[in-house]
PDB file of N, CA and C in Angstrom:
ATOM      1  N   UNK A   1       1.047  -0.693   0.187  1.00  0.00           N
ATOM      2  CA  UNK A   1      -0.148   0.050   0.185  1.00  0.00           C
ATOM      3  C   UNK A   1       1.576   1.037   0.309  1.00  0.00           C
ATOM      4  N   UNK A   2       2.284   1.421   1.200  1.00  0.00           N
ATOM      5  CA  UNK A   2       2.598   2.411   0.882  1.00  0.00           C
ATOM      6  C   UNK A   2       3.730   3.048  -0.041  1.00  0.00           C
ATOM      7  N   UNK A   3       3.555   1.617  -0.829  1.00  0.00           N
ATOM      8  CA  UNK A   3       4.486   1.762  -2.625  1.00  0.00           C
ATOM      9  C   UNK A   3       3.432   1.981  -3.728  1.00  0.00           C
ATOM     10  N   UNK A   4       1.828   1.708  -3.287  1.00  0.00           N
ATOM     11  CA  UNK A   4       1.036   3.341  -4.709  1.00  0.00           C
ATOM     12  C   UNK A   4       0.811   4.644  -3.981  1.00  0.00           C
ATOM     13  N   UNK A   5       0.575   4.671  -2.583  1.00  0.00           N
ATOM     14  CA  UNK A   5       0.776   5.884  -2.349  1.00  0.00           C
ATOM     15  C   UNK A   5       1.843   6.832  -2.613  1.00  0.00           C
ATOM     16  N   UNK A   6       3.470   6.642  -2.440  1.00  0.00           N
ATOM     17  CA  UNK A   6       4.114   6.833  -3.514  1.00  0.00           C
ATOM     18  C   UNK A   6       4.599   7.155  -4.850  1.00  0.00           C
ATOM     19  N   UNK A   7       4.605   6.091  -5.456  1.00  0.00           N
ATOM     20  CA  UNK A   7       4.075   6.372  -6.784  1.00  0.00           C
ATOM     21  C   UNK A   7       2.238   7.671  -7.241  1.00  0.00           C
ATOM     22  N   UNK A   8       1.456   7.388  -6.881  1.00  0.00           N
ATOM     23  CA  UNK A   8       0.924   7.972  -6.394  1.00  0.00           C
ATOM     24  C   UNK A   8       1.379   9.382  -6.326  1.00  0.00           C
ATOM     25  N   UNK A   9       1.685  10.245  -5.146  1.00  0.00           N
ATOM     26  CA  UNK A   9       2.020  11.780  -5.040  1.00  0.00           C
ATOM     27  C   UNK A   9       3.583  11.043  -6.240  1.00  0.00           C
ATOM     28  N   UNK A  10       4.286  10.468  -6.144  1.00  0.00           N
ATOM     29  CA  UNK A  10       5.094  11.209  -8.103  1.00  0.00           C
ATOM     30  C   UNK A  10       4.304  11.124  -9.407  1.00  0.00           C
ATOM     31  N   UNK A  11       2.933  11.010  -8.961  1.00  0.00           N
ATOM     32  CA  UNK A  11       2.400  10.164 -10.689  1.00  0.00           C
ATOM     33  C   UNK A  11       1.816  12.243 -10.203  1.00  0.00           C
ATOM     34  N   UNK A  12       0.957  12.645  -9.053  1.00  0.00           N
ATOM     35  CA  UNK A  12       0.838  13.970  -8.524  1.00  0.00           C
ATOM     36  C   UNK A  12       2.359  14.921  -9.313  1.00  0.00           C
ATOM     37  N   UNK A  13       3.471  14.898  -8.637  1.00  0.00           N
ATOM     38  CA  UNK A  13       4.402  15.668  -9.182  1.00  0.00           C
ATOM     39  C   UNK A  13       4.213  16.052 -10.575  1.00  0.00           C
ATOM     40  N   UNK A  14       4.917  14.878 -11.149  1.00  0.00           N
ATOM     41  CA  UNK A  14       5.350  14.796 -12.881  1.00  0.00           C
ATOM     42  C   UNK A  14       4.022  15.565 -13.209  1.00  0.00           C
ATOM     43  N   UNK A  15       3.380  15.669 -12.544  1.00  0.00           N
ATOM     44  CA  UNK A  15       1.578  16.181 -12.956  1.00  0.00           C
ATOM     45  C   UNK A  15       1.807  17.623 -12.955  1.00  0.00           C
ATOM     46  N   UNK A  16       1.908  18.102 -11.695  1.00  0.00           N
ATOM     47  CA  UNK A  16       2.432  19.514 -11.356  1.00  0.00           C
ATOM     48  C   UNK A  16       3.503  20.047 -12.393  1.00  0.00           C
ATOM     49  N   UNK A  17       4.437  19.231 -12.646  1.00  0.00           N
ATOM     50  CA  UNK A  17       5.986  20.061 -12.498  1.00  0.00           C
ATOM     51  C   UNK A  17       5.318  19.442 -15.128  1.00  0.00           C
ATOM     52  N   UNK A  18       4.595  18.833 -15.113  1.00  0.00           N
ATOM     53  CA  UNK A  18       4.459  19.270 -16.779  1.00  0.00           C
ATOM     54  C   UNK A  18       3.426  20.384 -16.596  1.00  0.00           C
ATOM     55  N   UNK A  19       2.811  20.491 -15.950  1.00  0.00           N
ATOM     56  CA  UNK A  19       1.673  22.164 -15.242  1.00  0.00           C
ATOM     57  C   UNK A  19       2.118  23.603 -15.577  1.00  0.00           C
ATOM     58  N   UNK A  20       3.272  23.154 -14.863  1.00  0.00           N
ATOM     59  CA  UNK A  20       4.226  24.151 -14.918  1.00  0.00           C
ATOM     60  C   UNK A  20       4.962  23.926 -16.179  1.00  0.00           C
ATOM     61  N   UNK A  21       5.423  23.427 -17.005  1.00  0.00           N
ATOM     62  CA  UNK A  21       6.419  23.553 -18.088  1.00  0.00           C
ATOM     63  C   UNK A  21       5.418  23.925 -19.091  1.00  0.00           C
ATOM     64  N   UNK A  22       3.815  23.588 -18.964  1.00  0.00           N
ATOM     65  CA  UNK A  22       3.227  23.814 -20.179  1.00  0.00           C
ATOM     66  C   UNK A  22       2.539  25.616 -19.732  1.00  0.00           C
ATOM     67  N   UNK A  23       2.492  26.310 -18.757  1.00  0.00           N
ATOM     68  CA  UNK A  23       2.257  27.736 -18.164  1.00  0.00           C
ATOM     69  C   UNK A  23       3.059  27.790 -18.028  1.00  0.00           C
ATOM     70  N   UNK A  24       4.010  27.880 -17.784  1.00  0.00           N
ATOM     71  CA  UNK A  24       5.695  28.690 -18.064  1.00  0.00           C
ATOM     72  C   UNK A  24       5.992  28.718 -20.751  1.00  0.00           C
ATOM     73  N   UNK A  25       5.815  28.400 -21.106  1.00  0.00           N
ATOM     74  CA  UNK A  25       5.934  27.736 -22.299  1.00  0.00           C
ATOM     75  C   UNK A  25       4.669  28.637 -22.601  1.00  0.00           C
ATOM     76  N   UNK A  26       3.035  28.904 -21.943  1.00  0.00           N
ATOM     77  CA  UNK A  26       2.056  29.852 -22.642  1.00  0.00           C
ATOM     78  C   UNK A  26       2.433  30.883 -22.285  1.00  0.00           C
ATOM     79  N   UNK A  27       3.547  31.430 -20.648  1.00  0.00           N
ATOM     80  CA  UNK A  27       3.653  33.044 -20.955  1.00  0.00           C
ATOM     81  C   UNK A  27       4.331  33.484 -21.764  1.00  0.00           C
ATOM     82  N   UNK A  28       5.118  32.414 -22.048  1.00  0.00           N
ATOM     83  CA  UNK A  28       6.647  32.874 -23.012  1.00  0.00           C
ATOM     84  C   UNK A  28       6.183  33.346 -23.571  1.00  0.00           C
ATOM     85  N   UNK A  29       5.005  32.162 -24.376  1.00  0.00           N
ATOM     86  CA  UNK A  29       4.466  32.623 -25.985  1.00  0.00           C
ATOM     87  C   UNK A  29       3.435  34.023 -26.200  1.00  0.00           C
ATOM     88  N   UNK A  30       2.929  33.891 -25.089  1.00  0.00           N
ATOM     89  CA  UNK A  30       2.332  35.198 -24.883  1.00  0.00           C
ATOM     90  C   UNK A  30       2.717  35.799 -25.332  1.00  0.00           C
ATOM     91  N   UNK A  31       3.582  36.174 -24.261  1.00  0.00           N
ATOM     92  CA  UNK A  31       4.577  37.819 -24.025  1.00  0.00           C
ATOM     93  C   UNK A  31       5.568  37.869 -25.091  1.00  0.00           C
ATOM     94  N   UNK A  32       6.328  36.376 -26.041  1.00  0.00           N
ATOM     95  CA  UNK A  32       6.269  36.876 -27.158  1.00  0.00           C
ATOM     96  C   UNK A  32       5.834  38.361 -28.149  1.00  0.00           C
ATOM     97  N   UNK A  33       4.618  37.017 -28.242  1.00  0.00           N
ATOM     98  CA  UNK A  33       3.302  37.856 -29.512  1.00  0.00           C
ATOM     99  C   UNK A  33       3.175  39.224 -28.945  1.00  0.00           C
ATOM    100  N   UNK A  34       2.777  39.052 -28.382  1.00  0.00           N
ATOM    101  CA  UNK A  34       1.778  40.756 -27.527  1.00  0.00           C
ATOM    102  C   UNK A  34       3.173  41.717 -27.078  1.00  0.00           C
ATOM    103  N   UNK A  35       4.591  41.521 -27.338  1.00  0.00           N
ATOM    104  CA  UNK A  35       5.590  42.531 -26.937  1.00  0.00           C
ATOM    105  C   UNK A  35       5.733  43.097 -28.997  1.00  0.00           C
ATOM    106  N   UNK A  36       6.333  41.418 -29.654  1.00  0.00           N
ATOM    107  CA  UNK A  36       6.482  41.708 -31.184  1.00  0.00           C
ATOM    108  C   UNK A  36       5.352  42.792 -31.626  1.00  0.00           C
ATOM    109  N   UNK A  37       4.343  42.422 -31.087  1.00  0.00           N
ATOM    110  CA  UNK A  37       3.052  42.508 -32.151  1.00  0.00           C
ATOM    111  C   UNK A  37       2.997  45.347 -31.352  1.00  0.00           C
ATOM    112  N   UNK A  38       3.452  44.813 -30.541  1.00  0.00           N
ATOM    113  CA  UNK A  38       3.642  46.059 -30.064  1.00  0.00           C
ATOM    114  C   UNK A  38       4.458  46.948 -30.269  1.00  0.00           C
ATOM    115  N   UNK A  39       5.862  46.282 -30.309  1.00  0.00           N
ATOM    116  CA  UNK A  39       7.149  46.970 -30.413  1.00  0.00           C
ATOM    117  C   UNK A  39       7.634  47.470 -31.754  1.00  0.00           C
ATOM    118  N   UNK A  40       7.207  46.123 -32.794  1.00  0.00           N
ATOM    119  CA  UNK A  40       7.928  46.374 -34.061  1.00  0.00           C
ATOM    120  C   UNK A  40       7.017  46.163 -35.472  1.00  0.00           C
ATOM    121  N   UNK A  41       6.483  47.271 -35.637  1.00  0.00           N
ATOM    122  CA  UNK A  41       6.332  47.249 -37.888  1.00  0.00           C
ATOM    123  C   UNK A  41       6.394  46.247 -38.216  1.00  0.00           C
ATOM    124  N   UNK A  42       5.674  45.311 -39.072  1.00  0.00           N
ATOM    125  CA  UNK A  42       4.909  44.618 -39.843  1.00  0.00           C
ATOM    126  C   UNK A  42       5.668  44.700 -41.242  1.00  0.00           C
ATOM    127  N   UNK A  43       6.847  45.550 -41.379  1.00  0.00           N
ATOM    128  CA  UNK A  43       7.510  45.646 -42.568  1.00  0.00           C
ATOM    129  C   UNK A  43       8.662  45.575 -41.710  1.00  0.00           C
ATOM    130  N   UNK A  44      10.015  44.944 -41.469  1.00  0.00           N
ATOM    131  CA  UNK A  44      11.024  44.747 -41.593  1.00  0.00           C
ATOM    132  C   UNK A  44      12.290  46.083 -41.968  1.00  0.00           C
ATOM    133  N   UNK A  45      12.265  47.502 -41.810  1.00  0.00           N
ATOM    134  CA  UNK A  45      13.113  47.791 -42.281  1.00  0.00           C
ATOM    135  C   UNK A  45      14.466  47.610 -42.314  1.00  0.00           C
ATOM    136  N   UNK A  46      14.948  46.889 -41.008  1.00  0.00           N
ATOM    137  CA  UNK A  46      16.479  46.998 -41.191  1.00  0.00           C
ATOM    138  C   UNK A  46      16.683  45.868 -40.154  1.00  0.00           C
ATOM    139  N   UNK A  47      17.737  44.807 -40.877  1.00  0.00           N
ATOM    140  CA  UNK A  47      17.443  43.469 -40.030  1.00  0.00           C
ATOM    141  C   UNK A  47      17.341  43.321 -38.354  1.00  0.00           C
ATOM    142  N   UNK A  48      17.708  44.270 -38.136  1.00  0.00           N
ATOM    143  CA  UNK A  48      18.559  44.633 -36.564  1.00  0.00           C
ATOM    144  C   UNK A  48      17.695  45.589 -36.307  1.00  0.00           C
ATOM    145  N   UNK A  49      17.106  45.048 -34.408  1.00  0.00           N
ATOM    146  CA  UNK A  49      16.167  45.951 -34.025  1.00  0.00           C
ATOM    147  C   UNK A  49      17.138  47.727 -34.030  1.00  0.00           C
ATOM    148  N   UNK A  50      15.996  48.226 -33.649  1.00  0.00           N
ATOM    149  CA  UNK A  50      16.382  50.252 -33.652  1.00  0.00           C
ATOM    150  C   UNK A  50      16.136  50.520 -32.341  1.00  0.00           C
ATOM    151  N   UNK A  51      17.133  51.400 -32.053  1.00  0.00           N
ATOM    152  CA  UNK A  51      16.466  51.478 -30.517  1.00  0.00           C
ATOM    153  C   UNK A  51      15.106  51.341 -29.558  1.00  0.00           C
ATOM    154  N   UNK A  52      15.218  52.797 -31.182  1.00  0.00           N
ATOM    155  CA  UNK A  52      13.429  52.423 -30.536  1.00  0.00           C
ATOM    156  C   UNK A  52      12.518  50.819 -29.876  1.00  0.00           C
ATOM    157  N   UNK A  53      13.070  50.236 -30.944  1.00  0.00           N
ATOM    158  CA  UNK A  53      12.391  49.193 -30.503  1.00  0.00           C
ATOM    159  C   UNK A  53      12.633  48.082 -29.835  1.00  0.00           C
ATOM    160  N   UNK A  54      13.677  48.159 -29.368  1.00  0.00           N
ATOM    161  CA  UNK A  54      14.829  47.207 -28.372  1.00  0.00           C
ATOM    162  C   UNK A  54      14.018  48.143 -27.045  1.00  0.00           C
ATOM    163  N   UNK A  55      14.049  49.822 -26.935  1.00  0.00           N
ATOM    164  CA  UNK A  55      13.564  49.876 -25.403  1.00  0.00           C
ATOM    165  C   UNK A  55      12.112  49.471 -25.190  1.00  0.00           C
ATOM    166  N   UNK A  56      11.131  49.604 -26.470  1.00  0.00           N
ATOM    167  CA  UNK A  56       9.906  48.742 -26.549  1.00  0.00           C
ATOM    168  C   UNK A  56       9.717  47.831 -25.527  1.00  0.00           C
ATOM    169  N   UNK A  57      10.672  46.382 -26.604  1.00  0.00           N
ATOM    170  CA  UNK A  57      10.690  45.315 -25.994  1.00  0.00           C
ATOM    171  C   UNK A  57      10.928  45.302 -24.576  1.00  0.00           C
ATOM    172  N   UNK A  58      11.964  45.811 -23.966  1.00  0.00           N
ATOM    173  CA  UNK A  58      12.289  45.910 -23.024  1.00  0.00           C
ATOM    174  C   UNK A  58      11.254  46.588 -21.891  1.00  0.00           C
ATOM    175  N   UNK A  59      10.610  47.727 -21.915  1.00  0.00           N
ATOM    176  CA  UNK A  59      10.011  47.747 -21.042  1.00  0.00           C
ATOM    177  C   UNK A  59       8.485  46.297 -20.925  1.00  0.00           C
ATOM    178  N   UNK A  60       8.171  46.323 -22.642  1.00  0.00           N
ATOM    179  CA  UNK A  60       7.122  45.469 -22.517  1.00  0.00           C
ATOM    180  C   UNK A  60       6.650  44.504 -21.878  1.00  0.00           C
ATOM    181  N   UNK A  61       8.247  43.515 -21.959  1.00  0.00           N
ATOM    182  CA  UNK A  61       8.816  42.276 -20.866  1.00  0.00           C
ATOM    183  C   UNK A  61       8.866  42.585 -20.016  1.00  0.00           C
ATOM    184  N   UNK A  62       9.165  44.048 -19.015  1.00  0.00           N
ATOM    185  CA  UNK A  62       8.804  43.738 -17.471  1.00  0.00           C
ATOM    186  C   UNK A  62       8.206  44.339 -17.812  1.00  0.00           C
ATOM    187  N   UNK A  63       7.505  45.197 -17.624  1.00  0.00           N
ATOM    188  CA  UNK A  63       5.738  44.476 -17.442  1.00  0.00           C
ATOM    189  C   UNK A  63       5.469  43.759 -17.378  1.00  0.00           C
ATOM    190  N   UNK A  64       5.056  42.928 -18.604  1.00  0.00           N
ATOM    191  CA  UNK A  64       4.131  41.653 -18.655  1.00  0.00           C
ATOM    192  C   UNK A  64       5.256  41.156 -17.243  1.00  0.00           C
ATOM    193  N   UNK A  65       6.721  41.002 -17.288  1.00  0.00           N
ATOM    194  CA  UNK A  65       6.985  39.685 -16.448  1.00  0.00           C
ATOM    195  C   UNK A  65       6.076  40.188 -14.227  1.00  0.00           C
ATOM    196  N   UNK A  66       5.978  41.284 -14.515  1.00  0.00           N
ATOM    197  CA  UNK A  66       5.655  42.212 -13.419  1.00  0.00           C
ATOM    198  C   UNK A  66       4.345  42.188 -13.257  1.00  0.00           C
ATOM    199  N   UNK A  67       3.426  42.174 -13.757  1.00  0.00           N
ATOM    200  CA  UNK A  67       1.349  41.981 -14.049  1.00  0.00           C
ATOM    201  C   UNK A  67       1.677  40.411 -13.599  1.00  0.00           C
ATOM    202  N   UNK A  68       3.205  39.279 -14.473  1.00  0.00           N
ATOM    203  CA  UNK A  68       2.507  37.721 -13.888  1.00  0.00           C
ATOM    204  C   UNK A  68       2.820  37.439 -12.710  1.00  0.00           C
ATOM    205  N   UNK A  69       3.201  38.359 -11.834  1.00  0.00           N
ATOM    206  CA  UNK A  69       3.892  37.698 -11.030  1.00  0.00           C
ATOM    207  C   UNK A  69       3.105  38.866  -9.695  1.00  0.00           C
ATOM    208  N   UNK A  70       2.475  39.388 -10.273  1.00  0.00           N
ATOM    209  CA  UNK A  70       1.310  39.897  -9.077  1.00  0.00           C
ATOM    210  C   UNK A  70       0.346  38.740  -9.243  1.00  0.00           C
ATOM    211  N   UNK A  71      -0.242  39.052 -10.675  1.00  0.00           N
ATOM    212  CA  UNK A  71      -1.081  38.539 -10.539  1.00  0.00           C
ATOM    213  C   UNK A  71      -0.730  36.888  -9.499  1.00  0.00           C
ATOM    214  N   UNK A  72       0.696  36.640  -9.979  1.00  0.00           N
ATOM    215  CA  UNK A  72       1.103  34.556  -8.679  1.00  0.00           C
ATOM    216  C   UNK A  72       0.769  35.104  -7.884  1.00  0.00           C
ATOM    217  N   UNK A  73       1.149  35.760  -7.307  1.00  0.00           N
ATOM    218  CA  UNK A  73       1.302  35.875  -5.856  1.00  0.00           C
ATOM    219  C   UNK A  73      -0.922  36.124  -5.268  1.00  0.00           C
ATOM    220  N   UNK A  74      -1.450  37.425  -6.323  1.00  0.00           N
ATOM    221  CA  UNK A  74      -3.133  37.031  -5.748  1.00  0.00           C
ATOM    222  C   UNK A  74      -3.289  36.015  -5.800  1.00  0.00           C
ATOM    223  N   UNK A  75      -2.845  35.458  -6.484  1.00  0.00           N
ATOM    224  CA  UNK A  75      -3.657  33.667  -6.307  1.00  0.00           C
ATOM    225  C   UNK A  75      -3.601  32.393  -5.604  1.00  0.00           C
ATOM    226  N   UNK A  76      -2.281  33.116  -5.543  1.00  0.00           N
ATOM    227  CA  UNK A  76      -1.826  32.256  -3.763  1.00  0.00           C
ATOM    228  C   UNK A  76      -2.486  33.172  -2.925  1.00  0.00           C
ATOM    229  N   UNK A  77      -2.660  33.979  -2.270  1.00  0.00           N
ATOM    230  CA  UNK A  77      -3.188  34.235  -1.275  1.00  0.00           C
ATOM    231  C   UNK A  77      -4.547  34.492  -1.902  1.00  0.00           C
ATOM    232  N   UNK A  78      -5.340  34.268  -2.145  1.00  0.00           N
ATOM    233  CA  UNK A  78      -7.096  34.050  -2.419  1.00  0.00           C
ATOM    234  C   UNK A  78      -7.008  32.184  -2.510  1.00  0.00           C
ATOM    235  N   UNK A  79      -6.139  31.145  -3.018  1.00  0.00           N
ATOM    236  CA  UNK A  79      -5.838  29.955  -2.133  1.00  0.00           C
ATOM    237  C   UNK A  79      -5.629  29.818  -1.683  1.00  0.00           C
ATOM    238  N   UNK A  80      -4.955  30.252  -0.721  1.00  0.00           N
ATOM    239  CA  UNK A  80      -4.239  29.890   0.500  1.00  0.00           C
ATOM    240  C   UNK A  80      -5.955  30.250   1.379  1.00  0.00           C
ATOM    241  N   UNK A  81      -6.420  31.457   1.555  1.00  0.00           N
ATOM    242  CA  UNK A  81      -7.926  32.060   1.849  1.00  0.00           C
ATOM    243  C   UNK A  81      -8.734  30.524   2.091  1.00  0.00           C
ATOM    244  N   UNK A  82      -8.935  30.078   0.604  1.00  0.00           N
ATOM    245  CA  UNK A  82      -9.596  29.269   0.466  1.00  0.00           C
ATOM    246  C   UNK A  82      -9.946  28.191   0.952  1.00  0.00           C
ATOM    247  N   UNK A  83      -7.942  27.340   1.413  1.00  0.00           N
ATOM    248  CA  UNK A  83      -7.477  26.729   1.957  1.00  0.00           C
ATOM    249  C   UNK A  83      -7.992  27.150   3.967  1.00  0.00           C
ATOM    250  N   UNK A  84      -7.722  28.138   4.007  1.00  0.00           N
ATOM    251  CA  UNK A  84      -8.180  28.114   4.899  1.00  0.00           C
ATOM    252  C   UNK A  84     -10.148  28.568   5.901  1.00  0.00           C
ATOM    253  N   UNK A  85     -10.248  28.443   4.846  1.00  0.00           N
ATOM    254  CA  UNK A  85     -11.621  28.688   4.610  1.00  0.00           C
ATOM    255  C   UNK A  85     -11.926  26.916   5.073  1.00  0.00           C
ATOM    256  N   UNK A  86     -12.096  26.314   4.777  1.00  0.00           N
ATOM    257  CA  UNK A  86     -13.138  24.740   4.090  1.00  0.00           C
ATOM    258  C   UNK A  86     -11.531  24.560   5.210  1.00  0.00           C
ATOM    259  N   UNK A  87     -10.721  24.926   6.020  1.00  0.00           N
ATOM    260  CA  UNK A  87     -10.237  23.840   6.987  1.00  0.00           C
ATOM    261  C   UNK A  87     -11.307  24.721   8.241  1.00  0.00           C
ATOM    262  N   UNK A  88     -11.622  26.016   8.291  1.00  0.00           N
ATOM    263  CA  UNK A  88     -13.087  26.298   8.937  1.00  0.00           C
ATOM    264  C   UNK A  88     -14.450  25.826   9.087  1.00  0.00           C
ATOM    265  N   UNK A  89     -14.346  25.572   7.668  1.00  0.00           N
ATOM    266  CA  UNK A  89     -16.055  25.129   7.994  1.00  0.00           C
ATOM    267  C   UNK A  89     -15.860  23.692   8.924  1.00  0.00           C
ATOM    268  N   UNK A  90     -14.849  22.809   7.661  1.00  0.00           N
ATOM    269  CA  UNK A  90     -14.701  21.517   8.662  1.00  0.00           C
ATOM    270  C   UNK A  90     -14.269  21.663  10.032  1.00  0.00           C
ATOM    271  N   UNK A  91     -13.813  22.598  10.829  1.00  0.00           N
ATOM    272  CA  UNK A  91     -13.207  22.416  12.640  1.00  0.00           C
ATOM    273  C   UNK A  91     -14.947  23.122  12.770  1.00  0.00           C
ATOM    274  N   UNK A  92     -15.609  23.963  12.296  1.00  0.00           N
ATOM    275  CA  UNK A  92     -16.813  23.925  13.023  1.00  0.00           C
ATOM    276  C   UNK A  92     -17.986  22.603  12.518  1.00  0.00           C
ATOM    277  N   UNK A  93     -17.502  21.883  11.624  1.00  0.00           N
ATOM    278  CA  UNK A  93     -18.901  21.503  11.198  1.00  0.00           C
ATOM    279  C   UNK A  93     -18.296  19.912  12.533  1.00  0.00           C
ATOM    280  N   UNK A  94     -17.377  19.264  12.416  1.00  0.00           N
ATOM    281  CA  UNK A  94     -16.879  18.538  13.499  1.00  0.00           C
ATOM    282  C   UNK A  94     -17.145  19.205  14.548  1.00  0.00           C
ATOM    283  N   UNK A  95     -17.280  20.269  15.442  1.00  0.00           N
ATOM    284  CA  UNK A  95     -17.520  20.613  16.265  1.00  0.00           C
ATOM    285  C   UNK A  95     -19.146  20.435  16.173  1.00  0.00           C
ATOM    286  N   UNK A  96     -19.506  20.905  15.449  1.00  0.00           N
ATOM    287  CA  UNK A  96     -21.164  20.831  15.315  1.00  0.00           C
ATOM    288  C   UNK A  96     -21.863  18.766  15.068  1.00  0.00           C
ATOM    289  N   UNK A  97     -20.958  18.592  15.338  1.00  0.00           N
ATOM    290  CA  UNK A  97     -21.493  16.986  14.597  1.00  0.00           C
ATOM    291  C   UNK A  97     -21.056  16.205  16.130  1.00  0.00           C
ATOM    292  N   UNK A  98     -19.678  16.696  16.959  1.00  0.00           N
ATOM    293  CA  UNK A  98     -19.268  16.094  18.069  1.00  0.00           C
ATOM    294  C   UNK A  98     -20.443  15.970  19.199  1.00  0.00           C
TER     295      UNK A  98
END
């Protein structure tokens, strides 16, 4: 039975890792597409980025990552609040059932 639990935990860990990798790849693709559309004109006059384009991309990426971090922190906070709420409700149910 303990081996089954260990395998289940490993499967959960692998699933979490796969989801995190997928989310990071999705964020990178969205960031790339968004900043490219915003900062680089559709017709390329030169092979290299102009100074204004480089500055725009730097700012766009910085803002995108900052917002991504803020949203992640907020979701973590909400998740923690939800867990605390569920534990509190379960505790109240146990007390009223006793």
